[in-house]
Amino acid sequence: MSAQKTKISIQPLGDRIVVSPVKEAEKTKSGIILPDTVNKEKPAQGRVMAIGDGERIKKFGVKKGDIVIFKEYGGTEFKIDGAEYKVLSLSSDPKDDEILAVLK
């Protein structure tokens, strides 16, 4: 029997997006390996994999394939076929937005 991967399609609801987080470098540009104990707390980045159809998402023009910066501990994490994803939202109150910026 061969294992067959199932192709999963996801559609976030409202003003939410699904991102595939970009892993932080474990090593500095000069080659120093960073241990897990180093405080790496900073906003994270991810590639937009799917977008909802909410009004705020449309207003800000976030689209599939964009690289976004989001709050490190924001969103809801989940795994599909071993790949990690996050669902992030734009809230009705901008102070509570989990998406901070789109990289151009």
PDB file of N, CA and C in Angstrom:
ATOM      1  N   MET A   1       0.825  -1.185   0.000  1.00  0.00           N
ATOM      2  CA  MET A   1       0.000   0.000   0.000  1.00  0.00           C
ATOM      3  C   MET A   1       0.866   1.243   0.000  1.00  0.00           C
ATOM      4  N   SER A   2       0.534   2.171  -0.829  1.00  0.00           N
ATOM      5  CA  SER A   2       1.297   3.416  -0.850  1.00  0.00           C
ATOM      6  C   SER A   2       0.508   4.512  -0.169  1.00  0.00           C
ATOM      7  N   ALA A   3       1.234   5.371   0.540  1.00  0.00           N
ATOM      8  CA  ALA A   3       0.588   6.497   1.206  1.00  0.00           C
ATOM      9  C   ALA A   3       0.292   7.575   0.171  1.00  0.00           C
ATOM     10  N   GLN A   4      -0.928   8.055   0.183  1.00  0.00           N
ATOM     11  CA  GLN A   4      -1.320   9.071  -0.784  1.00  0.00           C
ATOM     12  C   GLN A   4      -1.645  10.346  -0.030  1.00  0.00           C
ATOM     13  N   LYS A   5      -1.026  11.465  -0.437  1.00  0.00           N
ATOM     14  CA  LYS A   5      -1.308  12.744   0.196  1.00  0.00           C
ATOM     15  C   LYS A   5      -2.607  13.300  -0.352  1.00  0.00           C
ATOM     16  N   THR A   6      -3.411  13.841   0.543  1.00  0.00           N
ATOM     17  CA  THR A   6      -4.662  14.453   0.156  1.00  0.00           C
ATOM     18  C   THR A   6      -4.426  15.938  -0.048  1.00  0.00           C
ATOM     19  N   LYS A   7      -4.910  16.457  -1.166  1.00  0.00           N
ATOM     20  CA  LYS A   7      -4.777  17.893  -1.409  1.00  0.00           C
ATOM     21  C   LYS A   7      -5.875  18.596  -0.626  1.00  0.00           C
ATOM     22  N   ILE A   8      -5.476  19.495   0.263  1.00  0.00           N
ATOM     23  CA  ILE A   8      -6.414  20.201   1.118  1.00  0.00           C
ATOM     24  C   ILE A   8      -6.563  21.636   0.604  1.00  0.00           C
ATOM     25  N   SER A   9      -7.781  22.083   0.566  1.00  0.00           N
ATOM     26  CA  SER A   9      -8.076  23.457   0.181  1.00  0.00           C
ATOM     27  C   SER A   9      -8.702  24.125   1.398  1.00  0.00           C
ATOM     28  N   ILE A  10      -8.305  25.361   1.690  1.00  0.00           N
ATOM     29  CA  ILE A  10      -8.840  26.059   2.861  1.00  0.00           C
ATOM     30  C   ILE A  10      -9.297  27.448   2.448  1.00  0.00           C
ATOM     31  N   GLN A  11     -10.433  27.872   2.970  1.00  0.00           N
ATOM     32  CA  GLN A  11     -10.974  29.202   2.704  1.00  0.00           C
ATOM     33  C   GLN A  11     -11.227  29.871   4.046  1.00  0.00           C
ATOM     34  N   PRO A  12     -10.362  30.824   4.439  1.00  0.00           N
ATOM     35  CA  PRO A  12     -10.602  31.532   5.697  1.00  0.00           C
ATOM     36  C   PRO A  12     -11.871  32.381   5.594  1.00  0.00           C
ATOM     37  N   LEU A  13     -12.520  32.558   6.704  1.00  0.00           N
ATOM     38  CA  LEU A  13     -13.761  33.316   6.734  1.00  0.00           C
ATOM     39  C   LEU A  13     -13.521  34.773   7.102  1.00  0.00           C
ATOM     40  N   GLY A  14     -14.320  35.669   6.535  1.00  0.00           N
ATOM     41  CA  GLY A  14     -14.280  37.087   6.897  1.00  0.00           C
ATOM     42  C   GLY A  14     -12.931  37.729   6.660  1.00  0.00           C
ATOM     43  N   ASP A  15     -12.487  38.497   7.649  1.00  0.00           N
ATOM     44  CA  ASP A  15     -11.229  39.245   7.554  1.00  0.00           C
ATOM     45  C   ASP A  15     -10.060  38.434   8.108  1.00  0.00           C
ATOM     46  N   ARG A  16      -9.891  37.226   7.610  1.00  0.00           N
ATOM     47  CA  ARG A  16      -8.796  36.354   8.045  1.00  0.00           C
ATOM     48  C   ARG A  16      -7.977  35.909   6.840  1.00  0.00           C
ATOM     49  N   ILE A  17      -6.722  35.587   7.113  1.00  0.00           N
ATOM     50  CA  ILE A  17      -5.845  35.022   6.087  1.00  0.00           C
ATOM     51  C   ILE A  17      -5.164  33.791   6.654  1.00  0.00           C
ATOM     52  N   VAL A  18      -4.712  32.911   5.785  1.00  0.00           N
ATOM     53  CA  VAL A  18      -3.903  31.758   6.172  1.00  0.00           C
ATOM     54  C   VAL A  18      -2.502  32.027   5.650  1.00  0.00           C
ATOM     55  N   VAL A  19      -1.505  31.923   6.539  1.00  0.00           N
ATOM     56  CA  VAL A  19      -0.118  32.133   6.134  1.00  0.00           C
ATOM     57  C   VAL A  19       0.704  30.899   6.428  1.00  0.00           C
ATOM     58  N   SER A  20       1.749  30.732   5.644  1.00  0.00           N
ATOM     59  CA  SER A  20       2.757  29.715   5.886  1.00  0.00           C
ATOM     60  C   SER A  20       3.954  30.450   6.479  1.00  0.00           C
ATOM     61  N   PRO A  21       4.184  30.316   7.801  1.00  0.00           N
ATOM     62  CA  PRO A  21       5.254  31.074   8.443  1.00  0.00           C
ATOM     63  C   PRO A  21       6.634  30.768   7.855  1.00  0.00           C
ATOM     64  N   VAL A  22       7.450  31.813   7.747  1.00  0.00           N
ATOM     65  CA  VAL A  22       8.835  31.678   7.306  1.00  0.00           C
ATOM     66  C   VAL A  22       9.659  31.480   8.572  1.00  0.00           C
ATOM     67  N   LYS A  23      10.416  30.404   8.612  1.00  0.00           N
ATOM     68  CA  LYS A  23      11.222  30.094   9.796  1.00  0.00           C
ATOM     69  C   LYS A  23      12.330  31.123   9.982  1.00  0.00           C
ATOM     70  N   GLU A  24      12.586  31.471  11.262  1.00  0.00           N
ATOM     71  CA  GLU A  24      13.680  32.377  11.583  1.00  0.00           C
ATOM     72  C   GLU A  24      15.008  31.666  11.373  1.00  0.00           C
ATOM     73  N   ALA A  25      15.997  32.440  11.018  1.00  0.00           N
ATOM     74  CA  ALA A  25      17.325  31.873  10.817  1.00  0.00           C
ATOM     75  C   ALA A  25      17.866  31.352  12.142  1.00  0.00           C
ATOM     76  N   GLU A  26      18.439  30.176  12.100  1.00  0.00           N
ATOM     77  CA  GLU A  26      19.065  29.586  13.286  1.00  0.00           C
ATOM     78  C   GLU A  26      20.512  30.060  13.403  1.00  0.00           C
ATOM     79  N   LYS A  27      20.948  30.794  12.408  1.00  0.00           N
ATOM     80  CA  LYS A  27      22.333  31.209  12.326  1.00  0.00           C
ATOM     81  C   LYS A  27      22.380  32.668  11.865  1.00  0.00           C
ATOM     82  N   THR A  28      23.308  33.446  12.405  1.00  0.00           N
ATOM     83  CA  THR A  28      23.467  34.833  11.963  1.00  0.00           C
ATOM     84  C   THR A  28      24.187  34.855  10.617  1.00  0.00           C
ATOM     85  N   LYS A  29      24.210  36.009   9.973  1.00  0.00           N
ATOM     86  CA  LYS A  29      24.892  36.133   8.680  1.00  0.00           C
ATOM     87  C   LYS A  29      26.376  35.826   8.786  1.00  0.00           C
ATOM     88  N   SER A  30      26.951  36.080   9.974  1.00  0.00           N
ATOM     89  CA  SER A  30      28.384  35.803  10.156  1.00  0.00           C
ATOM     90  C   SER A  30      28.657  34.352  10.528  1.00  0.00           C
ATOM     91  N   GLY A  31      27.589  33.524  10.659  1.00  0.00           N
ATOM     92  CA  GLY A  31      27.785  32.101  10.905  1.00  0.00           C
ATOM     93  C   GLY A  31      27.627  31.653  12.340  1.00  0.00           C
ATOM     94  N   ILE A  32      27.249  32.549  13.241  1.00  0.00           N
ATOM     95  CA  ILE A  32      27.074  32.164  14.642  1.00  0.00           C
ATOM     96  C   ILE A  32      25.723  31.464  14.788  1.00  0.00           C
ATOM     97  N   ILE A  33      25.736  30.280  15.372  1.00  0.00           N
ATOM     98  CA  ILE A  33      24.506  29.510  15.576  1.00  0.00           C
ATOM     99  C   ILE A  33      23.805  30.040  16.829  1.00  0.00           C
ATOM    100  N   LEU A  34      22.515  30.349  16.679  1.00  0.00           N
ATOM    101  CA  LEU A  34      21.741  30.883  17.790  1.00  0.00           C
ATOM    102  C   LEU A  34      21.041  29.744  18.541  1.00  0.00           C
ATOM    103  N   PRO A  35      21.289  29.609  19.851  1.00  0.00           N
ATOM    104  CA  PRO A  35      20.611  28.570  20.631  1.00  0.00           C
ATOM    105  C   PRO A  35      19.148  28.952  20.874  1.00  0.00           C
ATOM    106  N   ASP A  36      18.340  27.978  21.278  1.00  0.00           N
ATOM    107  CA  ASP A  36      16.926  28.234  21.549  1.00  0.00           C
ATOM    108  C   ASP A  36      16.718  29.205  22.699  1.00  0.00           C
ATOM    109  N   THR A  37      17.722  29.372  23.555  1.00  0.00           N
ATOM    110  CA  THR A  37      17.583  30.256  24.711  1.00  0.00           C
ATOM    111  C   THR A  37      17.712  31.726  24.352  1.00  0.00           C
ATOM    112  N   VAL A  38      18.168  32.041  23.143  1.00  0.00           N
ATOM    113  CA  VAL A  38      18.309  33.432  22.723  1.00  0.00           C
ATOM    114  C   VAL A  38      16.914  34.015  22.541  1.00  0.00           C
ATOM    115  N   ASN A  39      16.721  35.226  23.035  1.00  0.00           N
ATOM    116  CA  ASN A  39      15.432  35.891  22.903  1.00  0.00           C
ATOM    117  C   ASN A  39      15.241  36.337  21.453  1.00  0.00           C
ATOM    118  N   LYS A  40      14.430  35.597  20.711  1.00  0.00           N
ATOM    119  CA  LYS A  40      14.184  35.903  19.307  1.00  0.00           C
ATOM    120  C   LYS A  40      12.822  36.586  19.135  1.00  0.00           C
ATOM    121  N   GLU A  41      12.275  37.115  20.237  1.00  0.00           N
ATOM    122  CA  GLU A  41      10.935  37.670  20.192  1.00  0.00           C
ATOM    123  C   GLU A  41      10.890  38.923  19.316  1.00  0.00           C
ATOM    124  N   LYS A  42      10.250  38.796  18.196  1.00  0.00           N
ATOM    125  CA  LYS A  42      10.081  39.890  17.260  1.00  0.00           C
ATOM    126  C   LYS A  42       8.959  39.498  16.309  1.00  0.00           C
ATOM    127  N   PRO A  43       8.409  40.450  15.571  1.00  0.00           N
ATOM    128  CA  PRO A  43       7.347  40.071  14.639  1.00  0.00           C
ATOM    129  C   PRO A  43       7.836  39.018  13.648  1.00  0.00           C
ATOM    130  N   ALA A  44       6.948  38.126  13.269  1.00  0.00           N
ATOM    131  CA  ALA A  44       7.270  37.036  12.361  1.00  0.00           C
ATOM    132  C   ALA A  44       6.778  37.347  10.955  1.00  0.00           C
ATOM    133  N   GLN A  45       7.228  36.557   9.983  1.00  0.00           N
ATOM    134  CA  GLN A  45       6.844  36.738   8.589  1.00  0.00           C
ATOM    135  C   GLN A  45       6.232  35.459   8.051  1.00  0.00           C
ATOM    136  N   GLY A  46       5.376  35.612   7.057  1.00  0.00           N
ATOM    137  CA  GLY A  46       4.791  34.454   6.419  1.00  0.00           C
ATOM    138  C   GLY A  46       4.242  34.798   5.047  1.00  0.00           C
ATOM    139  N   ARG A  47       4.091  33.768   4.224  1.00  0.00           N
ATOM    140  CA  ARG A  47       3.526  33.933   2.879  1.00  0.00           C
ATOM    141  C   ARG A  47       2.034  33.645   2.944  1.00  0.00           C
ATOM    142  N   VAL A  48       1.228  34.540   2.362  1.00  0.00           N
ATOM    143  CA  VAL A  48      -0.218  34.385   2.352  1.00  0.00           C
ATOM    144  C   VAL A  48      -0.588  33.245   1.413  1.00  0.00           C
ATOM    145  N   MET A  49      -1.292  32.249   1.959  1.00  0.00           N
ATOM    146  CA  MET A  49      -1.704  31.079   1.183  1.00  0.00           C
ATOM    147  C   MET A  49      -3.163  31.160   0.762  1.00  0.00           C
ATOM    148  N   ALA A  50      -3.996  31.829   1.572  1.00  0.00           N
ATOM    149  CA  ALA A  50      -5.422  31.967   1.266  1.00  0.00           C
ATOM    150  C   ALA A  50      -5.955  33.201   1.984  1.00  0.00           C
ATOM    151  N   ILE A  51      -6.967  33.834   1.415  1.00  0.00           N
ATOM    152  CA  ILE A  51      -7.551  35.029   2.024  1.00  0.00           C
ATOM    153  C   ILE A  51      -9.061  34.888   2.121  1.00  0.00           C
ATOM    154  N   GLY A  52      -9.615  35.534   3.154  1.00  0.00           N
ATOM    155  CA  GLY A  52     -11.062  35.574   3.318  1.00  0.00           C
ATOM    156  C   GLY A  52     -11.648  36.662   2.433  1.00  0.00           C
ATOM    157  N   ASP A  53     -12.962  36.817   2.517  1.00  0.00           N
ATOM    158  CA  ASP A  53     -13.618  37.803   1.666  1.00  0.00           C
ATOM    159  C   ASP A  53     -14.170  38.986   2.462  1.00  0.00           C
ATOM    160  N   GLY A  54     -13.570  39.254   3.626  1.00  0.00           N
ATOM    161  CA  GLY A  54     -14.011  40.361   4.470  1.00  0.00           C
ATOM    162  C   GLY A  54     -13.673  41.727   3.880  1.00  0.00           C
ATOM    163  N   GLU A  55     -14.396  42.743   4.345  1.00  0.00           N
ATOM    164  CA  GLU A  55     -14.225  44.107   3.846  1.00  0.00           C
ATOM    165  C   GLU A  55     -12.844  44.692   4.159  1.00  0.00           C
ATOM    166  N   ARG A  56     -12.303  44.431   5.360  1.00  0.00           N
ATOM    167  CA  ARG A  56     -10.992  44.997   5.712  1.00  0.00           C
ATOM    168  C   ARG A  56      -9.880  44.364   4.885  1.00  0.00           C
ATOM    169  N   ILE A  57      -9.995  43.073   4.601  1.00  0.00           N
ATOM    170  CA  ILE A  57      -9.003  42.403   3.746  1.00  0.00           C
ATOM    171  C   ILE A  57      -9.017  43.065   2.374  1.00  0.00           C
ATOM    172  N   LYS A  58     -10.199  43.303   1.822  1.00  0.00           N
ATOM    173  CA  LYS A  58     -10.319  43.946   0.507  1.00  0.00           C
ATOM    174  C   LYS A  58      -9.756  45.364   0.550  1.00  0.00           C
ATOM    175  N   LYS A  59     -10.064  46.098   1.632  1.00  0.00           N
ATOM    176  CA  LYS A  59      -9.611  47.491   1.769  1.00  0.00           C
ATOM    177  C   LYS A  59      -8.087  47.597   1.760  1.00  0.00           C
ATOM    178  N   PHE A  60      -7.411  46.682   2.465  1.00  0.00           N
ATOM    179  CA  PHE A  60      -5.960  46.741   2.559  1.00  0.00           C
ATOM    180  C   PHE A  60      -5.260  46.072   1.382  1.00  0.00           C
ATOM    181  N   GLY A  61      -5.993  45.340   0.561  1.00  0.00           N
ATOM    182  CA  GLY A  61      -5.415  44.764  -0.649  1.00  0.00           C
ATOM    183  C   GLY A  61      -4.456  43.612  -0.424  1.00  0.00           C
ATOM    184  N   VAL A  62      -4.587  42.918   0.691  1.00  0.00           N
ATOM    185  CA  VAL A  62      -3.751  41.737   0.932  1.00  0.00           C
ATOM    186  C   VAL A  62      -4.165  40.663  -0.067  1.00  0.00           C
ATOM    187  N   LYS A  63      -3.176  40.048  -0.721  1.00  0.00           N
ATOM    188  CA  LYS A  63      -3.510  39.026  -1.715  1.00  0.00           C
ATOM    189  C   LYS A  63      -2.634  37.795  -1.557  1.00  0.00           C
ATOM    190  N   LYS A  64      -3.079  36.713  -2.148  1.00  0.00           N
ATOM    191  CA  LYS A  64      -2.364  35.446  -2.088  1.00  0.00           C
ATOM    192  C   LYS A  64      -0.954  35.632  -2.649  1.00  0.00           C
ATOM    193  N   GLY A  65       0.045  35.099  -1.937  1.00  0.00           N
ATOM    194  CA  GLY A  65       1.437  35.207  -2.366  1.00  0.00           C
ATOM    195  C   GLY A  65       2.198  36.336  -1.688  1.00  0.00           C
ATOM    196  N   ASP A  66       1.484  37.313  -1.084  1.00  0.00           N
ATOM    197  CA  ASP A  66       2.153  38.411  -0.368  1.00  0.00           C
ATOM    198  C   ASP A  66       2.919  37.856   0.829  1.00  0.00           C
ATOM    199  N   ILE A  67       3.978  38.559   1.209  1.00  0.00           N
ATOM    200  CA  ILE A  67       4.692  38.265   2.457  1.00  0.00           C
ATOM    201  C   ILE A  67       4.214  39.295   3.469  1.00  0.00           C
ATOM    202  N   VAL A  68       3.700  38.811   4.602  1.00  0.00           N
ATOM    203  CA  VAL A  68       3.202  39.711   5.635  1.00  0.00           C
ATOM    204  C   VAL A  68       4.017  39.562   6.908  1.00  0.00           C
ATOM    205  N   ILE A  69       4.014  40.630   7.702  1.00  0.00           N
ATOM    206  CA  ILE A  69       4.617  40.609   9.030  1.00  0.00           C
ATOM    207  C   ILE A  69       3.453  40.537  10.012  1.00  0.00           C
ATOM    208  N   PHE A  70       3.549  39.625  10.976  1.00  0.00           N
ATOM    209  CA  PHE A  70       2.469  39.469  11.941  1.00  0.00           C
ATOM    210  C   PHE A  70       3.022  39.337  13.346  1.00  0.00           C
ATOM    211  N   LYS A  71       2.150  39.526  14.332  1.00  0.00           N
ATOM    212  CA  LYS A  71       2.555  39.387  15.727  1.00  0.00           C
ATOM    213  C   LYS A  71       2.997  37.952  15.976  1.00  0.00           C
ATOM    214  N   GLU A  72       4.126  37.798  16.655  1.00  0.00           N
ATOM    215  CA  GLU A  72       4.708  36.469  16.861  1.00  0.00           C
ATOM    216  C   GLU A  72       3.738  35.498  17.513  1.00  0.00           C
ATOM    217  N   TYR A  73       3.016  35.945  18.508  1.00  0.00           N
ATOM    218  CA  TYR A  73       2.110  35.045  19.221  1.00  0.00           C
ATOM    219  C   TYR A  73       0.668  35.204  18.760  1.00  0.00           C
ATOM    220  N   GLY A  74       0.456  35.886  17.655  1.00  0.00           N
ATOM    221  CA  GLY A  74      -0.885  36.078  17.128  1.00  0.00           C
ATOM    222  C   GLY A  74      -1.341  34.876  16.319  1.00  0.00           C
ATOM    223  N   GLY A  75      -2.627  34.827  16.084  1.00  0.00           N
ATOM    224  CA  GLY A  75      -3.180  33.815  15.201  1.00  0.00           C
ATOM    225  C   GLY A  75      -3.364  32.460  15.846  1.00  0.00           C
ATOM    226  N   THR A  76      -3.896  31.556  15.056  1.00  0.00           N
ATOM    227  CA  THR A  76      -4.138  30.179  15.475  1.00  0.00           C
ATOM    228  C   THR A  76      -3.307  29.263  14.588  1.00  0.00           C
ATOM    229  N   GLU A  77      -2.461  28.456  15.202  1.00  0.00           N
ATOM    230  CA  GLU A  77      -1.589  27.555  14.446  1.00  0.00           C
ATOM    231  C   GLU A  77      -2.289  26.233  14.173  1.00  0.00           C
ATOM    232  N   PHE A  78      -1.994  25.645  13.014  1.00  0.00           N
ATOM    233  CA  PHE A  78      -2.470  24.300  12.703  1.00  0.00           C
ATOM    234  C   PHE A  78      -1.522  23.664  11.701  1.00  0.00           C
ATOM    235  N   LYS A  79      -1.614  22.325  11.578  1.00  0.00           N
ATOM    236  CA  LYS A  79      -0.771  21.573  10.646  1.00  0.00           C
ATOM    237  C   LYS A  79      -1.652  20.773   9.701  1.00  0.00           C
ATOM    238  N   ILE A  80      -1.219  20.718   8.441  1.00  0.00           N
ATOM    239  CA  ILE A  80      -1.849  19.855   7.447  1.00  0.00           C
ATOM    240  C   ILE A  80      -0.718  19.125   6.743  1.00  0.00           C
ATOM    241  N   ASP A  81      -0.759  17.813   6.741  1.00  0.00           N
ATOM    242  CA  ASP A  81       0.270  16.986   6.106  1.00  0.00           C
ATOM    243  C   ASP A  81       1.680  17.391   6.536  1.00  0.00           C
ATOM    244  N   GLY A  82       1.847  17.742   7.819  1.00  0.00           N
ATOM    245  CA  GLY A  82       3.152  18.089   8.357  1.00  0.00           C
ATOM    246  C   GLY A  82       3.586  19.523   8.124  1.00  0.00           C
ATOM    247  N   ALA A  83       2.849  20.276   7.324  1.00  0.00           N
ATOM    248  CA  ALA A  83       3.181  21.687   7.071  1.00  0.00           C
ATOM    249  C   ALA A  83       2.454  22.560   8.089  1.00  0.00           C
ATOM    250  N   GLU A  84       3.175  23.573   8.608  1.00  0.00           N
ATOM    251  CA  GLU A  84       2.590  24.468   9.611  1.00  0.00           C
ATOM    252  C   GLU A  84       1.977  25.695   8.938  1.00  0.00           C
ATOM    253  N   TYR A  85       0.834  26.121   9.470  1.00  0.00           N
ATOM    254  CA  TYR A  85       0.130  27.307   8.983  1.00  0.00           C
ATOM    255  C   TYR A  85      -0.399  28.084  10.166  1.00  0.00           C
ATOM    256  N   LYS A  86      -0.782  29.344   9.908  1.00  0.00           N
ATOM    257  CA  LYS A  86      -1.431  30.183  10.911  1.00  0.00           C
ATOM    258  C   LYS A  86      -2.611  30.873  10.257  1.00  0.00           C
ATOM    259  N   VAL A  87      -3.696  31.016  11.020  1.00  0.00           N
ATOM    260  CA  VAL A  87      -4.826  31.829  10.597  1.00  0.00           C
ATOM    261  C   VAL A  87      -4.702  33.132  11.374  1.00  0.00           C
ATOM    262  N   LEU A  88      -4.617  34.245  10.645  1.00  0.00           N
ATOM    263  CA  LEU A  88      -4.472  35.574  11.244  1.00  0.00           C
ATOM    264  C   LEU A  88      -5.668  36.427  10.861  1.00  0.00           C
ATOM    265  N   SER A  89      -5.955  37.447  11.686  1.00  0.00           N
ATOM    266  CA  SER A  89      -7.126  38.264  11.385  1.00  0.00           C
ATOM    267  C   SER A  89      -6.834  39.750  11.432  1.00  0.00           C
ATOM    268  N   LEU A  90      -7.641  40.483  10.667  1.00  0.00           N
ATOM    269  CA  LEU A  90      -7.741  41.934  10.779  1.00  0.00           C
ATOM    270  C   LEU A  90      -9.012  42.165  11.573  1.00  0.00           C
ATOM    271  N   SER A  91      -8.905  42.837  12.681  1.00  0.00           N
ATOM    272  CA  SER A  91     -10.027  43.032  13.584  1.00  0.00           C
ATOM    273  C   SER A  91     -10.757  44.337  13.265  1.00  0.00           C
ATOM    274  N   SER A  92     -11.929  44.520  13.869  1.00  0.00           N
ATOM    275  CA  SER A  92     -12.654  45.783  13.684  1.00  0.00           C
ATOM    276  C   SER A  92     -11.949  46.917  14.426  1.00  0.00           C
ATOM    277  N   ASP A  93     -11.092  46.578  15.386  1.00  0.00           N
ATOM    278  CA  ASP A  93     -10.291  47.561  16.115  1.00  0.00           C
ATOM    279  C   ASP A  93      -8.832  47.405  15.687  1.00  0.00           C
ATOM    280  N   PRO A  94      -8.255  48.379  14.971  1.00  0.00           N
ATOM    281  CA  PRO A  94      -6.876  48.249  14.458  1.00  0.00           C
ATOM    282  C   PRO A  94      -5.828  47.898  15.512  1.00  0.00           C
ATOM    283  N   LYS A  95      -6.057  48.228  16.792  1.00  0.00           N
ATOM    284  CA  LYS A  95      -5.095  47.873  17.846  1.00  0.00           C
ATOM    285  C   LYS A  95      -4.983  46.368  18.012  1.00  0.00           C
ATOM    286  N   ASP A  96      -6.030  45.638  17.634  1.00  0.00           N
ATOM    287  CA  ASP A  96      -6.058  44.185  17.817  1.00  0.00           C
ATOM    288  C   ASP A  96      -5.687  43.406  16.568  1.00  0.00           C
ATOM    289  N   ASP A  97      -5.309  44.097  15.490  1.00  0.00           N
ATOM    290  CA  ASP A  97      -4.914  43.413  14.261  1.00  0.00           C
ATOM    291  C   ASP A  97      -3.713  42.520  14.512  1.00  0.00           C
ATOM    292  N   GLU A  98      -3.743  41.313  13.950  1.00  0.00           N
ATOM    293  CA  GLU A  98      -2.606  40.401  14.050  1.00  0.00           C
ATOM    294  C   GLU A  98      -1.651  40.592  12.870  1.00  0.00           C
ATOM    295  N   ILE A  99      -2.142  41.154  11.778  1.00  0.00           N
ATOM    296  CA  ILE A  99      -1.326  41.418  10.594  1.00  0.00           C
ATOM    297  C   ILE A  99      -0.814  42.857  10.732  1.00  0.00           C
ATOM    298  N   LEU A 100       0.504  43.020  10.730  1.00  0.00           N
ATOM    299  CA  LEU A 100       1.099  44.323  10.954  1.00  0.00           C
ATOM    300  C   LEU A 100       1.477  45.059   9.671  1.00  0.00           C
ATOM    301  N   ALA A 101       1.931  44.325   8.634  1.00  0.00           N
ATOM    302  CA  ALA A 101       2.389  44.966   7.409  1.00  0.00           C
ATOM    303  C   ALA A 101       2.495  43.946   6.291  1.00  0.00           C
ATOM    304  N   VAL A 102       2.498  44.461   5.057  1.00  0.00           N
ATOM    305  CA  VAL A 102       2.751  43.649   3.871  1.00  0.00           C
ATOM    306  C   VAL A 102       4.084  44.115   3.314  1.00  0.00           C
ATOM    307  N   LEU A 103       5.011  43.177   3.064  1.00  0.00           N
ATOM    308  CA  LEU A 103       6.308  43.536   2.493  1.00  0.00           C
ATOM    309  C   LEU A 103       6.166  43.703   0.982  1.00  0.00           C
ATOM    310  N   LYS A 104       6.701  44.781   0.455  1.00  0.00           N
ATOM    311  CA  LYS A 104       6.639  45.058  -0.984  1.00  0.00           C
ATOM    312  C   LYS A 104       8.009  44.922  -1.593  1.00  0.00           C
TER     313      LYS A 104
END
